[in-house]
Each structure stands twice: as structure tokens, then as C-alpha cells.
Amino acid sequence: MNPRHPVGFWFAWVLGLGLQACVPAHRIVPHASQAEADRVEFPQLELPEAGRVRLDGNVAAAIQLAMEDFLPWDAHRKPVADRAPCLDQWESYDVTTAVLPESVLLVRFEPNLERCASGQQFVELVTYAIEVRTMGILSIESHPRLLPRPPVQGVTPP
């Protein structure tokens, strides 16, 4: 201990370090420029029927929890030699959910090959089991899926 600082100083310093660890890191959410934002016209009350999707709050929270674990927002990924960079982006995946008994929600991530033409023969289907009451991850399964080969030009399948 430094004799110039009383014990209370050291206690407060250590406590401050501990509290910093408890505060979640704030991530910066990107926003469009004002010119881009001005192009959007919000409807008065109801959202348009076409393209509208409604998710229950617990489904949205479960998807967010699984996505944060699957592809963390601030993760710095190491490049994988045979992995397409687009597979490290949230928008490259489609999400499917299914409700199971006992407050369990399955959340599956599957690469959308129209948005991410990875050139790979296999894709991973990753499924999370989320306990909705506690918003905890119960289990994760990953299954490879063989992609169909594109047809060879000039050859018709039998």
C-alpha cells in the first residue's frame, strides 16, 4: 500500500474497477445521414400490410440473444481460408423459429445463398434452444447441409 493514500482510497479504486466490469460495453449503432433519413415517409398509424412481419417480444428477444452468441456484434473474426467473408455478417442469414413445450424456442440460422454465394459445398445450420422465461441458451446444435450442385450447362438431368 502506498502510505500517501488512505485505505479508503484503495477500497474505492478497487470498487470502481469492479463496477466497470459490470457495466455492459455500449455498442455504436450506425445511423444514416440526414439526407438518407429524409427519404423515408412514415405512415400515420398502421404499417403497410405488404411486407409486414410481427414478432412477439419474447421471440424477438430470443432471436437477438441467439444472434449475439452466433455472430457477436463486436467480434473481430479471424479469416478462415475456405469461408466466405459474407458468412460473418448477420444479413447473410435467414432466421426460422419454432416453439417447443415448456417455454423453449428454437432459433435456426441458415445462410441465404442469394445474399451470400459462398461457393462452399456445405453450409452449417445452427439451431439454438432458448429458455424464454429466463432468456438463457439451453443448447446449440450445428448440422452441415450438402448443397445441390448447380446444373452443368448443356446437360439435362435424368
N, C-alpha and C. Protein backbone atom coordinates (compact mmCIF):
# COMPACT_ATOMS: atom_id res chain seq x y z
N MET A 1 0.84 -1.18 0.00
CA MET A 1 0.00 0.00 0.00
C MET A 1 0.88 1.24 0.00
N ASN A 2 0.44 2.22 -0.70
CA ASN A 2 1.14 3.49 -0.74
C ASN A 2 0.75 4.29 0.51
N PRO A 3 1.73 4.70 1.32
CA PRO A 3 1.39 5.41 2.56
C PRO A 3 0.75 6.77 2.30
N ARG A 4 0.88 7.32 1.08
CA ARG A 4 0.28 8.63 0.80
C ARG A 4 -1.22 8.54 0.58
N HIS A 5 -1.76 7.33 0.30
CA HIS A 5 -3.18 7.15 0.04
C HIS A 5 -3.79 6.33 1.17
N PRO A 6 -4.86 6.81 1.78
CA PRO A 6 -5.51 6.06 2.85
C PRO A 6 -6.17 4.79 2.31
N VAL A 7 -6.51 3.87 3.20
CA VAL A 7 -7.12 2.61 2.83
C VAL A 7 -8.42 2.84 2.05
N GLY A 8 -9.16 3.85 2.43
CA GLY A 8 -10.42 4.17 1.74
C GLY A 8 -10.21 4.47 0.26
N PHE A 9 -9.09 5.10 -0.08
CA PHE A 9 -8.77 5.40 -1.46
C PHE A 9 -8.64 4.10 -2.25
N TRP A 10 -7.88 3.14 -1.70
CA TRP A 10 -7.66 1.87 -2.39
C TRP A 10 -8.96 1.08 -2.50
N PHE A 11 -9.79 1.11 -1.46
CA PHE A 11 -11.07 0.43 -1.48
C PHE A 11 -11.95 1.01 -2.60
N ALA A 12 -12.02 2.32 -2.69
CA ALA A 12 -12.83 2.98 -3.72
C ALA A 12 -12.28 2.68 -5.12
N TRP A 13 -10.97 2.63 -5.24
CA TRP A 13 -10.35 2.35 -6.54
C TRP A 13 -10.68 0.94 -7.01
N VAL A 14 -10.54 -0.05 -6.10
CA VAL A 14 -10.84 -1.44 -6.45
C VAL A 14 -12.34 -1.59 -6.73
N LEU A 15 -13.18 -0.95 -5.95
CA LEU A 15 -14.62 -0.99 -6.17
C LEU A 15 -14.96 -0.40 -7.54
N GLY A 16 -14.33 0.68 -7.89
CA GLY A 16 -14.57 1.30 -9.20
C GLY A 16 -14.19 0.39 -10.34
N LEU A 17 -13.08 -0.34 -10.20
CA LEU A 17 -12.69 -1.29 -11.24
C LEU A 17 -13.72 -2.41 -11.37
N GLY A 18 -14.21 -2.88 -10.24
CA GLY A 18 -15.21 -3.94 -10.25
C GLY A 18 -16.51 -3.48 -10.89
N LEU A 19 -16.94 -2.27 -10.62
CA LEU A 19 -18.17 -1.76 -11.20
C LEU A 19 -18.05 -1.57 -12.71
N GLN A 20 -16.87 -1.20 -13.18
CA GLN A 20 -16.67 -1.05 -14.62
C GLN A 20 -16.89 -2.38 -15.33
N ALA A 21 -16.49 -3.48 -14.70
CA ALA A 21 -16.67 -4.79 -15.31
C ALA A 21 -18.14 -5.17 -15.40
N CYS A 22 -18.97 -4.60 -14.54
CA CYS A 22 -20.40 -4.93 -14.54
C CYS A 22 -21.19 -4.14 -15.57
N VAL A 23 -20.65 -3.05 -16.04
CA VAL A 23 -21.35 -2.21 -17.00
C VAL A 23 -21.14 -2.78 -18.40
N PRO A 24 -22.23 -3.11 -19.11
CA PRO A 24 -22.05 -3.66 -20.45
C PRO A 24 -21.45 -2.62 -21.39
N ALA A 25 -20.61 -3.10 -22.29
CA ALA A 25 -19.99 -2.20 -23.26
C ALA A 25 -21.08 -1.67 -24.19
N HIS A 26 -21.12 -0.38 -24.41
CA HIS A 26 -22.10 0.23 -25.30
C HIS A 26 -21.60 0.11 -26.72
N ARG A 27 -22.42 -0.44 -27.57
CA ARG A 27 -22.02 -0.55 -28.96
C ARG A 27 -22.62 0.60 -29.74
N ILE A 28 -21.91 1.05 -30.71
CA ILE A 28 -22.37 2.16 -31.53
C ILE A 28 -23.24 1.60 -32.63
N VAL A 29 -24.47 2.07 -32.70
CA VAL A 29 -25.41 1.64 -33.72
C VAL A 29 -25.32 2.62 -34.88
N PRO A 30 -25.07 2.11 -36.09
CA PRO A 30 -24.93 3.02 -37.23
C PRO A 30 -26.26 3.69 -37.59
N HIS A 31 -26.19 4.96 -37.91
CA HIS A 31 -27.36 5.72 -38.36
C HIS A 31 -27.07 6.31 -39.73
N ALA A 32 -28.11 6.44 -40.53
CA ALA A 32 -27.98 7.01 -41.87
C ALA A 32 -27.76 8.52 -41.78
N SER A 33 -27.32 9.08 -42.89
CA SER A 33 -27.18 10.53 -42.96
C SER A 33 -28.57 11.16 -42.97
N GLN A 34 -28.64 12.45 -42.71
CA GLN A 34 -29.93 13.14 -42.70
C GLN A 34 -30.59 13.09 -44.07
N ALA A 35 -29.79 13.19 -45.14
CA ALA A 35 -30.34 13.13 -46.50
C ALA A 35 -30.99 11.78 -46.76
N GLU A 36 -30.36 10.70 -46.30
CA GLU A 36 -30.95 9.37 -46.47
C GLU A 36 -32.21 9.22 -45.61
N ALA A 37 -32.16 9.74 -44.40
CA ALA A 37 -33.30 9.65 -43.48
C ALA A 37 -34.50 10.41 -44.02
N ASP A 38 -34.27 11.52 -44.71
CA ASP A 38 -35.36 12.34 -45.24
C ASP A 38 -36.15 11.63 -46.34
N ARG A 39 -35.59 10.58 -46.93
CA ARG A 39 -36.29 9.84 -47.98
C ARG A 39 -37.41 8.97 -47.43
N VAL A 40 -37.39 8.68 -46.14
CA VAL A 40 -38.37 7.78 -45.53
C VAL A 40 -39.63 8.55 -45.16
N GLU A 41 -40.76 8.03 -45.60
CA GLU A 41 -42.05 8.61 -45.22
C GLU A 41 -42.77 7.60 -44.33
N PHE A 42 -42.96 7.97 -43.06
CA PHE A 42 -43.64 7.09 -42.13
C PHE A 42 -45.15 7.17 -42.33
N PRO A 43 -45.85 6.02 -42.25
CA PRO A 43 -47.32 6.06 -42.31
C PRO A 43 -47.85 6.68 -41.02
N GLN A 44 -49.08 7.18 -41.08
CA GLN A 44 -49.68 7.85 -39.92
C GLN A 44 -49.86 6.89 -38.74
N LEU A 45 -50.54 5.77 -38.92
CA LEU A 45 -50.81 4.87 -37.80
C LEU A 45 -50.35 3.44 -38.06
N GLU A 46 -50.93 2.81 -39.04
CA GLU A 46 -50.65 1.40 -39.32
C GLU A 46 -49.49 1.25 -40.30
N LEU A 47 -48.70 0.24 -40.08
CA LEU A 47 -47.66 -0.09 -41.06
C LEU A 47 -48.31 -0.75 -42.26
N PRO A 48 -47.72 -0.63 -43.43
CA PRO A 48 -48.31 -1.24 -44.63
C PRO A 48 -48.45 -2.76 -44.47
N GLU A 49 -49.54 -3.30 -45.02
CA GLU A 49 -49.77 -4.76 -44.97
C GLU A 49 -48.68 -5.51 -45.71
N ALA A 50 -48.33 -5.03 -46.90
CA ALA A 50 -47.34 -5.73 -47.72
C ALA A 50 -45.98 -5.70 -47.03
N GLY A 51 -45.45 -6.88 -46.80
CA GLY A 51 -44.12 -6.99 -46.20
C GLY A 51 -44.08 -6.88 -44.69
N ARG A 52 -45.24 -6.70 -44.06
CA ARG A 52 -45.25 -6.54 -42.61
C ARG A 52 -45.04 -7.89 -41.92
N VAL A 53 -44.19 -7.90 -40.90
CA VAL A 53 -43.93 -9.09 -40.10
C VAL A 53 -44.07 -8.67 -38.64
N ARG A 54 -44.82 -9.46 -37.87
CA ARG A 54 -44.98 -9.16 -36.45
C ARG A 54 -44.38 -10.30 -35.64
N LEU A 55 -43.51 -9.95 -34.70
CA LEU A 55 -42.90 -10.94 -33.81
C LEU A 55 -43.32 -10.64 -32.38
N ASP A 56 -43.65 -11.68 -31.63
CA ASP A 56 -43.87 -11.48 -30.20
C ASP A 56 -42.56 -10.99 -29.59
N GLY A 57 -42.67 -10.23 -28.52
CA GLY A 57 -41.47 -9.69 -27.88
C GLY A 57 -40.50 -10.76 -27.44
N ASN A 58 -41.01 -11.88 -26.90
CA ASN A 58 -40.09 -12.93 -26.45
C ASN A 58 -39.40 -13.61 -27.62
N VAL A 59 -40.06 -13.68 -28.77
CA VAL A 59 -39.42 -14.25 -29.96
C VAL A 59 -38.31 -13.32 -30.44
N ALA A 60 -38.59 -12.03 -30.50
CA ALA A 60 -37.57 -11.06 -30.93
C ALA A 60 -36.38 -11.09 -29.98
N ALA A 61 -36.63 -11.16 -28.67
CA ALA A 61 -35.54 -11.19 -27.69
C ALA A 61 -34.74 -12.48 -27.81
N ALA A 62 -35.41 -13.61 -28.05
CA ALA A 62 -34.70 -14.88 -28.20
C ALA A 62 -33.83 -14.87 -29.46
N ILE A 63 -34.35 -14.31 -30.54
CA ILE A 63 -33.56 -14.20 -31.77
C ILE A 63 -32.33 -13.33 -31.54
N GLN A 64 -32.52 -12.20 -30.86
CA GLN A 64 -31.39 -11.32 -30.60
C GLN A 64 -30.34 -12.00 -29.72
N LEU A 65 -30.78 -12.72 -28.70
CA LEU A 65 -29.85 -13.43 -27.82
C LEU A 65 -29.05 -14.46 -28.61
N ALA A 66 -29.74 -15.27 -29.41
CA ALA A 66 -29.05 -16.28 -30.21
C ALA A 66 -28.11 -15.65 -31.23
N MET A 67 -28.55 -14.58 -31.88
CA MET A 67 -27.71 -13.92 -32.89
C MET A 67 -26.46 -13.32 -32.27
N GLU A 68 -26.61 -12.72 -31.09
CA GLU A 68 -25.44 -12.15 -30.41
C GLU A 68 -24.43 -13.23 -30.06
N ASP A 69 -24.90 -14.43 -29.73
CA ASP A 69 -23.99 -15.53 -29.43
C ASP A 69 -23.40 -16.11 -30.71
N PHE A 70 -24.23 -16.25 -31.74
CA PHE A 70 -23.82 -16.84 -33.01
C PHE A 70 -22.80 -15.96 -33.75
N LEU A 71 -23.11 -14.69 -33.87
CA LEU A 71 -22.21 -13.71 -34.52
C LEU A 71 -22.16 -12.47 -33.64
N PRO A 72 -21.30 -12.45 -32.63
CA PRO A 72 -21.26 -11.29 -31.73
C PRO A 72 -21.04 -9.99 -32.49
N TRP A 73 -21.75 -8.97 -32.04
CA TRP A 73 -21.75 -7.66 -32.70
C TRP A 73 -20.34 -7.10 -32.87
N ASP A 74 -19.54 -7.18 -31.83
CA ASP A 74 -18.23 -6.54 -31.85
C ASP A 74 -17.08 -7.53 -32.01
N ALA A 75 -17.37 -8.76 -32.45
CA ALA A 75 -16.31 -9.76 -32.59
C ALA A 75 -15.40 -9.41 -33.76
N HIS A 76 -14.14 -9.61 -33.54
CA HIS A 76 -13.16 -9.45 -34.61
C HIS A 76 -12.80 -10.86 -35.06
N ARG A 77 -13.38 -11.27 -36.16
CA ARG A 77 -13.22 -12.64 -36.62
C ARG A 77 -11.92 -12.80 -37.39
N LYS A 78 -11.30 -13.93 -37.15
CA LYS A 78 -10.11 -14.28 -37.92
C LYS A 78 -10.58 -14.87 -39.24
N PRO A 79 -9.93 -14.48 -40.33
CA PRO A 79 -10.36 -15.05 -41.62
C PRO A 79 -10.11 -16.55 -41.65
N VAL A 80 -11.07 -17.29 -42.18
CA VAL A 80 -10.93 -18.73 -42.36
C VAL A 80 -10.71 -18.94 -43.86
N ALA A 81 -9.71 -19.72 -44.19
CA ALA A 81 -9.28 -19.86 -45.59
C ALA A 81 -10.41 -20.24 -46.53
N ASP A 82 -11.24 -21.21 -46.14
CA ASP A 82 -12.29 -21.66 -47.05
C ASP A 82 -13.67 -21.16 -46.63
N ARG A 83 -13.73 -20.01 -45.99
CA ARG A 83 -15.01 -19.45 -45.55
C ARG A 83 -15.20 -18.09 -46.21
N ALA A 84 -16.36 -17.90 -46.79
CA ALA A 84 -16.68 -16.63 -47.45
C ALA A 84 -16.86 -15.54 -46.40
N PRO A 85 -16.30 -14.33 -46.61
CA PRO A 85 -16.44 -13.24 -45.64
C PRO A 85 -17.90 -12.87 -45.36
N CYS A 86 -18.79 -13.09 -46.33
CA CYS A 86 -20.19 -12.72 -46.11
C CYS A 86 -20.84 -13.59 -45.03
N LEU A 87 -20.25 -14.72 -44.70
CA LEU A 87 -20.81 -15.57 -43.65
C LEU A 87 -20.56 -15.00 -42.26
N ASP A 88 -19.82 -13.92 -42.17
CA ASP A 88 -19.58 -13.25 -40.89
C ASP A 88 -20.49 -12.03 -40.72
N GLN A 89 -21.56 -11.95 -41.51
CA GLN A 89 -22.48 -10.81 -41.45
C GLN A 89 -23.89 -11.30 -41.16
N TRP A 90 -24.58 -10.62 -40.24
CA TRP A 90 -25.93 -11.01 -39.85
C TRP A 90 -26.88 -11.09 -41.03
N GLU A 91 -26.77 -10.14 -41.95
CA GLU A 91 -27.72 -10.07 -43.06
C GLU A 91 -27.58 -11.22 -44.05
N SER A 92 -26.56 -12.06 -43.90
CA SER A 92 -26.38 -13.22 -44.77
C SER A 92 -27.19 -14.43 -44.33
N TYR A 93 -27.88 -14.31 -43.21
CA TYR A 93 -28.60 -15.45 -42.65
C TYR A 93 -30.10 -15.21 -42.61
N ASP A 94 -30.85 -16.27 -42.88
CA ASP A 94 -32.28 -16.27 -42.64
C ASP A 94 -32.49 -16.93 -41.28
N VAL A 95 -33.54 -16.49 -40.58
CA VAL A 95 -33.82 -16.99 -39.24
C VAL A 95 -35.20 -17.64 -39.25
N THR A 96 -35.27 -18.84 -38.68
CA THR A 96 -36.52 -19.56 -38.53
C THR A 96 -36.67 -19.90 -37.05
N THR A 97 -37.89 -19.74 -36.53
CA THR A 97 -38.12 -20.09 -35.13
C THR A 97 -39.26 -21.09 -35.03
N ALA A 98 -39.24 -21.86 -33.94
CA ALA A 98 -40.31 -22.81 -33.65
C ALA A 98 -40.46 -22.89 -32.14
N VAL A 99 -41.71 -22.95 -31.70
CA VAL A 99 -42.00 -23.02 -30.27
C VAL A 99 -42.07 -24.49 -29.85
N LEU A 100 -41.38 -24.82 -28.76
CA LEU A 100 -41.45 -26.15 -28.15
C LEU A 100 -42.18 -26.03 -26.82
N PRO A 101 -42.61 -27.15 -26.25
CA PRO A 101 -43.23 -27.08 -24.92
C PRO A 101 -42.26 -26.55 -23.86
N GLU A 102 -42.82 -26.16 -22.74
CA GLU A 102 -42.07 -25.72 -21.57
C GLU A 102 -41.24 -24.46 -21.83
N SER A 103 -41.81 -23.51 -22.55
CA SER A 103 -41.19 -22.20 -22.79
C SER A 103 -39.84 -22.25 -23.50
N VAL A 104 -39.71 -23.19 -24.41
CA VAL A 104 -38.47 -23.30 -25.19
C VAL A 104 -38.76 -22.85 -26.62
N LEU A 105 -37.88 -22.02 -27.14
CA LEU A 105 -38.00 -21.54 -28.51
C LEU A 105 -36.74 -21.96 -29.26
N LEU A 106 -36.93 -22.59 -30.41
CA LEU A 106 -35.79 -22.92 -31.27
C LEU A 106 -35.57 -21.76 -32.23
N VAL A 107 -34.31 -21.40 -32.40
CA VAL A 107 -33.93 -20.33 -33.33
C VAL A 107 -32.86 -20.90 -34.25
N ARG A 108 -33.16 -20.97 -35.55
CA ARG A 108 -32.22 -21.55 -36.51
C ARG A 108 -31.69 -20.48 -37.45
N PHE A 109 -30.37 -20.53 -37.68
CA PHE A 109 -29.70 -19.64 -38.62
C PHE A 109 -29.23 -20.47 -39.81
N GLU A 110 -29.63 -20.01 -41.00
CA GLU A 110 -29.25 -20.71 -42.23
C GLU A 110 -28.77 -19.67 -43.24
N PRO A 111 -27.59 -19.88 -43.82
CA PRO A 111 -27.11 -18.91 -44.81
C PRO A 111 -28.08 -18.79 -45.98
N ASN A 112 -28.33 -17.55 -46.40
CA ASN A 112 -29.15 -17.29 -47.56
C ASN A 112 -28.19 -17.21 -48.75
N LEU A 113 -28.25 -18.19 -49.62
CA LEU A 113 -27.27 -18.30 -50.71
C LEU A 113 -27.45 -17.24 -51.78
N GLU A 114 -28.60 -16.55 -51.80
CA GLU A 114 -28.76 -15.44 -52.73
C GLU A 114 -28.01 -14.20 -52.24
N ARG A 115 -27.89 -14.06 -50.92
CA ARG A 115 -27.17 -12.93 -50.34
C ARG A 115 -25.71 -13.24 -50.10
N CYS A 116 -25.38 -14.51 -50.01
CA CYS A 116 -24.01 -14.91 -49.71
C CYS A 116 -23.67 -16.15 -50.53
N ALA A 117 -23.22 -15.92 -51.74
CA ALA A 117 -22.80 -17.03 -52.60
C ALA A 117 -21.40 -17.44 -52.17
N SER A 118 -21.33 -18.30 -51.18
CA SER A 118 -20.04 -18.64 -50.56
C SER A 118 -19.19 -19.56 -51.41
N GLY A 119 -19.80 -20.27 -52.35
CA GLY A 119 -19.05 -21.19 -53.18
C GLY A 119 -18.71 -22.49 -52.44
N GLN A 120 -19.28 -22.68 -51.26
CA GLN A 120 -18.99 -23.87 -50.48
C GLN A 120 -19.95 -25.00 -50.83
N GLN A 121 -19.52 -26.26 -50.61
CA GLN A 121 -20.38 -27.40 -50.85
C GLN A 121 -21.31 -27.65 -49.67
N PHE A 122 -20.86 -27.27 -48.48
CA PHE A 122 -21.65 -27.47 -47.27
C PHE A 122 -21.97 -26.13 -46.64
N VAL A 123 -23.13 -26.02 -46.02
CA VAL A 123 -23.46 -24.88 -45.19
C VAL A 123 -23.81 -25.43 -43.81
N GLU A 124 -23.64 -24.62 -42.80
CA GLU A 124 -23.97 -25.01 -41.44
C GLU A 124 -25.35 -24.48 -41.08
N LEU A 125 -26.19 -25.34 -40.59
CA LEU A 125 -27.46 -24.93 -40.00
C LEU A 125 -27.22 -24.94 -38.49
N VAL A 126 -27.34 -23.79 -37.87
CA VAL A 126 -27.08 -23.68 -36.44
C VAL A 126 -28.41 -23.38 -35.76
N THR A 127 -28.76 -24.22 -34.77
CA THR A 127 -30.03 -24.08 -34.07
C THR A 127 -29.78 -23.90 -32.59
N TYR A 128 -30.40 -22.88 -32.03
CA TYR A 128 -30.32 -22.58 -30.60
C TYR A 128 -31.63 -22.98 -29.94
N ALA A 129 -31.54 -23.55 -28.74
CA ALA A 129 -32.71 -23.76 -27.89
C ALA A 129 -32.64 -22.70 -26.80
N ILE A 130 -33.62 -21.81 -26.78
CA ILE A 130 -33.64 -20.69 -25.84
C ILE A 130 -34.77 -20.91 -24.83
N GLU A 131 -34.47 -20.79 -23.55
CA GLU A 131 -35.48 -20.83 -22.49
C GLU A 131 -36.05 -19.43 -22.41
N VAL A 132 -37.29 -19.26 -22.81
CA VAL A 132 -37.88 -17.93 -22.96
C VAL A 132 -38.10 -17.24 -21.62
N ARG A 133 -38.45 -17.98 -20.57
CA ARG A 133 -38.71 -17.34 -19.27
C ARG A 133 -37.45 -16.69 -18.69
N THR A 134 -36.30 -17.33 -18.88
CA THR A 134 -35.06 -16.79 -18.31
C THR A 134 -34.18 -16.13 -19.37
N MET A 135 -34.56 -16.26 -20.65
CA MET A 135 -33.75 -15.78 -21.78
C MET A 135 -32.32 -16.32 -21.68
N GLY A 136 -32.24 -17.62 -21.49
CA GLY A 136 -30.94 -18.29 -21.43
C GLY A 136 -30.82 -19.31 -22.55
N ILE A 137 -29.60 -19.55 -22.98
CA ILE A 137 -29.33 -20.54 -24.03
C ILE A 137 -29.26 -21.91 -23.35
N LEU A 138 -30.17 -22.82 -23.75
CA LEU A 138 -30.16 -24.17 -23.21
C LEU A 138 -29.17 -25.06 -23.93
N SER A 139 -29.14 -24.95 -25.26
CA SER A 139 -28.32 -25.84 -26.06
C SER A 139 -28.14 -25.26 -27.46
N ILE A 140 -27.10 -25.72 -28.13
CA ILE A 140 -26.83 -25.30 -29.51
C ILE A 140 -26.48 -26.54 -30.31
N GLU A 141 -27.08 -26.68 -31.48
CA GLU A 141 -26.73 -27.77 -32.39
C GLU A 141 -26.32 -27.19 -33.73
N SER A 142 -25.38 -27.86 -34.36
CA SER A 142 -24.91 -27.43 -35.67
C SER A 142 -24.90 -28.65 -36.59
N HIS A 143 -25.50 -28.48 -37.77
CA HIS A 143 -25.57 -29.58 -38.72
C HIS A 143 -25.13 -29.09 -40.09
N PRO A 144 -24.20 -29.81 -40.72
CA PRO A 144 -23.85 -29.44 -42.09
C PRO A 144 -24.93 -29.90 -43.06
N ARG A 145 -25.16 -29.12 -44.08
CA ARG A 145 -26.10 -29.49 -45.13
C ARG A 145 -25.37 -29.41 -46.46
N LEU A 146 -25.44 -30.50 -47.21
CA LEU A 146 -24.84 -30.55 -48.53
C LEU A 146 -25.70 -29.75 -49.49
N LEU A 147 -25.07 -28.83 -50.21
CA LEU A 147 -25.82 -28.02 -51.18
C LEU A 147 -25.93 -28.78 -52.49
N PRO A 148 -27.05 -28.60 -53.20
CA PRO A 148 -27.15 -29.24 -54.52
C PRO A 148 -26.15 -28.62 -55.48
N ARG A 149 -25.60 -29.46 -56.32
CA ARG A 149 -24.65 -28.95 -57.32
C ARG A 149 -25.42 -28.20 -58.41
N PRO A 150 -24.86 -27.06 -58.87
CA PRO A 150 -25.54 -26.36 -59.96
C PRO A 150 -25.51 -27.21 -61.23
N PRO A 151 -26.57 -27.14 -62.04
CA PRO A 151 -26.60 -27.95 -63.25
C PRO A 151 -25.50 -27.52 -64.22
N VAL A 152 -24.92 -28.51 -64.88
CA VAL A 152 -23.90 -28.23 -65.89
C VAL A 152 -24.62 -27.82 -67.17
N GLN A 153 -24.17 -26.73 -67.78
CA GLN A 153 -24.83 -26.23 -68.97
C GLN A 153 -24.74 -27.25 -70.10
N GLY A 154 -25.88 -27.45 -70.75
CA GLY A 154 -25.93 -28.38 -71.88
C GLY A 154 -26.23 -29.81 -71.47
N VAL A 155 -26.27 -30.10 -70.15
CA VAL A 155 -26.56 -31.45 -69.70
C VAL A 155 -27.89 -31.42 -68.95
N THR A 156 -28.81 -32.26 -69.38
CA THR A 156 -30.10 -32.31 -68.70
C THR A 156 -30.08 -33.47 -67.72
N PRO A 157 -30.59 -33.25 -66.51
CA PRO A 157 -30.60 -34.34 -65.54
C PRO A 157 -31.55 -35.46 -65.97
N PRO A 158 -31.25 -36.72 -65.58
CA PRO A 158 -32.10 -37.84 -65.99
C PRO A 158 -33.47 -37.77 -65.37
